[in-house]
Amino acid sequence: MSELAATLYDKVHAAAQAVRERTDFVPQVGLILGSGLGAFAETLDRPVMIDYGDIPYFPRSHIVGHKGRLVLGSKRGACCVAMQGRVHMYEGHSAQTVAFPARVLVALGAKVVIVTNAAGGLNPSWQPGTLMLIRDHLDMLRDHALRGPNDDRLGPRFPDMTTAYAPELRALVKDVAASEGIALQEGVYVAMPGPTYETPAEVRMLQTLGADATGMSTVPEVVVARHMGARVIGISCITNQAAGITGNALSHDEVTETATRVRATFERLLDGILGALSAKGELS
């Protein structure tokens, strides 16, 4: 089948089939690892690593902190497929393209998708290094991952987003954080198109709308995971306070430095989540 004739459904399943040709491992959990957080994939047991470039139709990122590999392996009783890095709309991609890898994770078998990101803090009381469990989101991306014809084989035309972030899984994450002694906030994530950081006026607007953290990713992936029937956990690492809160200039170096600093804590939380998902039968 030519690339022009291939539907989105065809492309998703061609990508999934290319992964299956490299391994018979069937994942239960999909992990999308954001800036500075991709090293967690290398802690999986008996990892199988596949470059994005070896997977048909899979978009590749050129952003620092995003290695561009799919890693399959086990952790704490959970079979996982992890993305080391993602593409963003500000690189010139459509929302559908940005969300494509998340569709592949679900097509491979993931029943739960854990989406992580580095985000700017809109809540002035939260310091860089804070971990935030995403309760809900605001989509300001100006494109939508489901725009265009719908293929019912992938999901419904009008998917419900009332529980985009599964309440029962948010409760599980909070229990894990408490048992591990990890401070965890909960709040609303807003996706902005980037690549500029928000202006102070935009930050005040987003605060008024009820957002606690802002970033340039996550929402398209969450939307398509829910579209295909997977349950979602979202976690932000607050890497800096947003523009106008401290008066300091913002930089990507600060984002990656903070993500690296809290990586051990973040990985401990992910470890605990995977163990709890497996132990509580949430992956069947």
Protein backbone atom coordinates (compact mmCIF):
# COMPACT_ATOMS: atom_id res chain seq x y z
CA MET A 1 0.00 0.00 0.00
CA SER A 2 1.37 3.41 -0.94
CA GLU A 3 1.91 6.02 1.76
CA LEU A 4 -0.65 8.28 0.06
CA ALA A 5 -3.31 5.53 0.18
CA ALA A 6 -2.62 4.54 3.79
CA THR A 7 -5.22 5.67 6.33
CA LEU A 8 -4.35 6.69 9.88
CA TYR A 9 -5.54 3.24 11.00
CA ASP A 10 -3.23 1.60 8.44
CA LYS A 11 -0.27 3.71 9.57
CA VAL A 12 -0.83 2.98 13.27
CA HIS A 13 -0.99 -0.74 12.66
CA ALA A 14 1.97 -0.73 10.26
CA ALA A 15 4.05 0.96 12.98
CA ALA A 16 2.83 -1.51 15.61
CA GLN A 17 3.60 -4.45 13.30
CA ALA A 18 7.15 -3.18 12.75
CA VAL A 19 7.67 -3.25 16.53
CA ARG A 20 6.17 -6.75 16.78
CA GLU A 21 8.65 -7.96 14.19
CA ARG A 22 11.46 -6.99 16.56
CA THR A 23 9.97 -8.56 19.71
CA ASP A 24 7.01 -10.69 20.83
CA PHE A 25 6.78 -8.67 24.06
CA VAL A 26 3.22 -7.38 24.67
CA PRO A 27 3.09 -4.22 26.80
CA GLN A 28 0.36 -3.38 29.30
CA VAL A 29 1.57 0.14 30.16
CA GLY A 30 2.71 2.89 27.80
CA LEU A 31 5.14 5.47 29.18
CA ILE A 32 5.66 8.81 27.41
CA LEU A 33 8.74 10.35 29.00
CA GLY A 34 9.32 14.09 28.66
CA SER A 35 12.38 16.36 28.80
CA GLY A 36 15.10 15.04 31.11
CA LEU A 37 12.97 12.05 32.17
CA GLY A 38 13.78 9.56 29.42
CA ALA A 39 16.44 7.72 31.43
CA PHE A 40 13.70 5.81 33.26
CA ALA A 41 13.23 3.68 30.15
CA GLU A 42 16.75 2.34 30.62
CA THR A 43 15.81 0.90 34.02
CA LEU A 44 13.37 -1.57 32.45
CA ASP A 45 14.34 -5.23 32.76
CA ARG A 46 15.67 -6.94 29.60
CA PRO A 47 15.02 -3.87 27.44
CA VAL A 48 14.46 -4.04 23.70
CA MET A 49 15.39 -0.68 22.17
CA ILE A 50 14.09 0.47 18.78
CA ASP A 51 15.02 3.79 17.17
CA TYR A 52 12.03 5.84 16.06
CA GLY A 53 13.61 5.97 12.62
CA ASP A 54 13.14 2.20 12.29
CA ILE A 55 9.38 2.43 12.85
CA PRO A 56 7.32 3.46 9.81
CA TYR A 57 5.45 6.77 10.10
CA PHE A 58 6.90 7.39 13.60
CA PRO A 59 7.87 11.08 13.97
CA ARG A 60 11.33 11.94 15.30
CA SER A 61 12.25 14.81 17.60
CA HIS A 62 15.40 16.92 17.49
CA ILE A 63 14.93 18.57 20.91
CA VAL A 64 17.64 18.25 23.59
CA GLY A 65 16.62 15.67 26.20
CA HIS A 66 14.60 13.53 23.77
CA LYS A 67 16.61 10.47 22.61
CA GLY A 68 14.07 9.19 20.11
CA ARG A 69 13.84 5.53 21.06
CA LEU A 70 11.08 3.10 21.93
CA VAL A 71 12.04 0.80 24.81
CA LEU A 72 10.12 -2.36 25.75
CA GLY A 73 10.71 -4.23 29.01
CA SER A 74 9.30 -5.15 32.41
CA LYS A 75 9.26 -3.25 35.69
CA ARG A 76 7.71 -4.20 39.02
CA GLY A 77 5.48 -6.83 37.40
CA ALA A 78 4.24 -4.51 34.64
CA CYS A 79 5.04 -5.03 30.96
CA CYS A 80 5.97 -1.61 29.58
CA VAL A 81 6.66 0.22 26.36
CA ALA A 82 8.39 3.55 26.95
CA MET A 83 8.98 6.50 24.66
CA GLN A 84 12.27 8.29 25.20
CA GLY A 85 11.21 11.65 23.86
CA ARG A 86 8.36 13.05 21.81
CA VAL A 87 7.75 15.52 18.99
CA HIS A 88 5.93 18.81 19.49
CA MET A 89 3.65 20.96 17.40
CA TYR A 90 6.16 23.83 17.50
CA GLU A 91 8.54 21.66 15.45
CA GLY A 92 6.06 21.99 12.59
CA HIS A 93 3.94 18.90 13.22
CA SER A 94 0.16 18.65 13.31
CA ALA A 95 -1.58 17.56 16.51
CA GLN A 96 -2.41 14.27 14.76
CA THR A 97 1.28 13.62 14.06
CA VAL A 98 2.29 14.55 17.61
CA ALA A 99 -0.28 12.08 18.96
CA PHE A 100 0.58 9.26 16.53
CA PRO A 101 3.11 7.50 18.82
CA ALA A 102 0.56 7.34 21.65
CA ARG A 103 -1.79 5.54 19.26
CA VAL A 104 0.96 3.02 18.53
CA LEU A 105 1.48 2.36 22.26
CA VAL A 106 -2.20 1.52 22.63
CA ALA A 107 -2.22 -0.57 19.44
CA LEU A 108 0.69 -2.58 20.88
CA GLY A 109 -1.47 -3.47 23.89
CA ALA A 110 -1.12 -0.69 26.48
CA LYS A 111 -4.24 -0.46 28.64
CA VAL A 112 -2.81 2.38 30.74
CA VAL A 113 -0.77 5.28 29.35
CA ILE A 114 1.38 7.33 31.72
CA VAL A 115 2.23 10.71 30.19
CA THR A 116 4.95 12.84 31.75
CA ASN A 117 6.22 16.30 30.95
CA ALA A 118 8.37 19.17 32.12
CA ALA A 119 6.13 22.17 32.82
CA GLY A 120 6.25 25.75 33.94
CA GLY A 121 4.62 26.46 37.29
CA LEU A 122 1.66 28.84 37.31
CA ASN A 123 0.94 28.29 40.99
CA PRO A 124 3.31 30.74 42.70
CA SER A 125 3.51 28.61 45.84
CA TRP A 126 5.08 25.67 43.99
CA GLN A 127 8.86 25.67 43.69
CA PRO A 128 10.85 24.16 40.79
CA GLY A 129 11.15 20.41 41.34
CA THR A 130 7.53 20.01 42.42
CA LEU A 131 5.72 16.97 40.99
CA MET A 132 2.11 17.56 39.93
CA LEU A 133 -0.48 14.89 39.23
CA ILE A 134 -2.65 16.15 36.37
CA ARG A 135 -6.32 16.29 37.36
CA ASP A 136 -7.55 17.91 34.14
CA HIS A 137 -6.27 19.99 31.24
CA LEU A 138 -6.92 23.05 29.11
CA ASP A 139 -6.17 22.74 25.39
CA MET A 140 -4.81 25.98 23.85
CA LEU A 141 -2.90 24.32 20.98
CA ARG A 142 -5.04 25.68 18.10
CA ASP A 143 -5.14 22.26 16.45
CA HIS A 144 -6.78 19.04 17.61
CA ALA A 145 -5.52 15.46 17.35
CA LEU A 146 -8.96 14.24 16.23
CA ARG A 147 -9.55 16.93 13.60
CA GLY A 148 -10.52 15.44 10.23
CA PRO A 149 -12.37 12.26 9.27
CA ASN A 150 -12.93 9.80 12.11
CA ASP A 151 -12.14 6.10 11.75
CA ASP A 152 -14.48 4.14 14.01
CA ARG A 153 -11.91 1.33 14.19
CA LEU A 154 -9.77 3.67 16.29
CA GLY A 155 -12.48 5.25 18.43
CA PRO A 156 -15.73 7.26 18.46
CA ARG A 157 -16.28 10.53 16.62
CA PHE A 158 -17.07 12.43 19.83
CA PRO A 159 -15.12 10.89 22.74
CA ASP A 160 -16.01 11.98 26.27
CA MET A 161 -13.25 13.76 28.21
CA THR A 162 -15.02 14.04 31.56
CA THR A 163 -12.51 11.62 33.08
CA ALA A 164 -9.56 12.16 30.74
CA TYR A 165 -7.28 11.37 33.70
CA ALA A 166 -8.78 8.28 35.32
CA PRO A 167 -9.96 9.15 38.87
CA GLU A 168 -9.26 5.66 40.22
CA LEU A 169 -5.71 5.81 38.87
CA ARG A 170 -5.16 9.30 40.30
CA ALA A 171 -6.16 7.87 43.69
CA LEU A 172 -3.67 5.04 43.18
CA VAL A 173 -0.87 7.51 42.35
CA LYS A 174 -1.63 9.60 45.45
CA ASP A 175 -1.52 6.48 47.61
CA VAL A 176 1.84 5.49 46.12
CA ALA A 177 3.28 8.98 46.70
CA ALA A 178 2.11 8.95 50.32
CA SER A 179 3.57 5.51 50.97
CA GLU A 180 6.89 6.54 49.41
CA GLY A 181 7.04 9.86 51.24
CA ILE A 182 7.01 11.80 47.98
CA ALA A 183 5.42 15.25 47.99
CA LEU A 184 2.84 15.38 45.20
CA GLN A 185 0.60 18.24 44.19
CA GLU A 186 -2.48 17.91 41.99
CA GLY A 187 -3.68 20.42 39.43
CA VAL A 188 -4.69 21.49 35.94
CA TYR A 189 -2.22 21.43 33.02
CA VAL A 190 -2.58 23.82 30.10
CA ALA A 191 -1.03 23.03 26.72
CA MET A 192 0.29 26.05 24.82
CA PRO A 193 1.66 25.93 21.26
CA GLY A 194 5.14 27.38 21.91
CA PRO A 195 7.99 27.52 21.14
CA THR A 196 8.09 30.82 23.03
CA TYR A 197 7.48 30.66 26.73
CA GLU A 198 4.34 32.47 27.84
CA THR A 199 4.33 36.22 28.39
CA PRO A 200 3.53 37.53 31.87
CA ALA A 201 0.11 38.62 30.55
CA GLU A 202 -0.56 35.12 29.24
CA VAL A 203 0.51 33.67 32.57
CA ARG A 204 -1.99 35.88 34.39
CA MET A 205 -4.70 34.80 31.92
CA LEU A 206 -3.94 31.10 32.44
CA GLN A 207 -3.93 31.52 36.21
CA THR A 208 -7.35 33.18 35.97
CA LEU A 209 -8.60 30.22 33.92
CA GLY A 210 -7.56 27.87 36.72
CA ALA A 211 -4.37 26.33 35.33
CA ASP A 212 -1.55 25.30 37.67
CA ALA A 213 1.12 24.30 35.14
CA THR A 214 1.86 25.07 31.51
CA GLY A 215 3.69 23.16 28.80
CA MET A 216 3.84 22.45 25.08
CA SER A 217 2.83 18.77 24.92
CA THR A 218 0.72 16.02 26.52
CA VAL A 219 -2.83 16.98 25.54
CA PRO A 220 -2.82 15.45 22.02
CA GLU A 221 -1.44 12.19 23.40
CA VAL A 222 -4.00 12.08 26.19
CA VAL A 223 -6.83 12.74 23.74
CA VAL A 224 -5.92 9.88 21.39
CA ALA A 225 -5.20 7.45 24.22
CA ARG A 226 -8.70 8.10 25.54
CA HIS A 227 -10.08 7.95 21.99
CA MET A 228 -8.71 4.41 21.71
CA GLY A 229 -9.99 3.36 25.14
CA ALA A 230 -6.83 3.46 27.26
CA ARG A 231 -6.85 4.99 30.74
CA VAL A 232 -4.42 7.84 31.41
CA ILE A 233 -2.18 9.05 34.23
CA GLY A 234 -0.51 12.43 33.72
CA ILE A 235 2.39 13.78 35.79
CA SER A 236 4.21 17.10 35.38
CA CYS A 237 7.59 18.01 36.77
CA ILE A 238 7.49 21.74 37.54
CA THR A 239 10.88 22.78 36.23
CA ASN A 240 10.55 26.55 36.52
CA GLN A 241 8.12 29.21 37.59
CA ALA A 242 6.36 30.82 34.65
CA ALA A 243 7.15 34.26 33.26
CA GLY A 244 6.50 37.22 35.52
CA ILE A 245 6.31 35.24 38.77
CA THR A 246 9.98 35.62 39.72
CA GLY A 247 11.07 38.24 37.18
CA ASN A 248 13.86 35.95 35.92
CA ALA A 249 14.37 35.04 32.27
CA LEU A 250 13.38 31.48 31.26
CA SER A 251 15.59 28.94 29.46
CA HIS A 252 15.45 25.32 28.30
CA ASP A 253 18.67 24.68 30.23
CA GLU A 254 16.78 25.37 33.47
CA VAL A 255 14.07 22.94 32.38
CA THR A 256 16.49 20.06 31.76
CA GLU A 257 18.61 20.83 34.83
CA THR A 258 15.60 20.74 37.17
CA ALA A 259 14.20 17.58 35.55
CA THR A 260 17.59 15.91 36.01
CA ARG A 261 17.78 17.03 39.64
CA VAL A 262 14.46 15.44 40.58
CA ARG A 263 14.84 12.42 38.31
CA ALA A 264 15.55 9.96 41.14
CA THR A 265 12.39 10.99 42.99
CA PHE A 266 10.36 10.92 39.79
CA GLU A 267 11.67 7.44 38.93
CA ARG A 268 10.83 6.21 42.43
CA LEU A 269 7.27 7.44 41.94
CA LEU A 270 6.98 5.73 38.55
CA ASP A 271 8.40 2.53 40.04
CA GLY A 272 5.76 2.59 42.76
CA ILE A 273 2.97 3.32 40.27
CA LEU A 274 3.94 0.37 38.08
CA GLY A 275 4.11 -1.93 41.08
CA ALA A 276 0.69 -0.76 42.33
CA LEU A 277 -0.92 -1.09 38.88
CA SER A 278 0.31 -4.68 38.68
CA ALA A 279 -0.52 -5.62 42.28
CA LYS A 280 -4.02 -4.17 42.18
CA GLY A 281 -5.00 -5.85 38.91
CA GLU A 282 -5.34 -2.61 36.97
CA LEU A 283 -3.59 -3.98 33.86
CA SER A 284 -5.81 -6.93 32.98
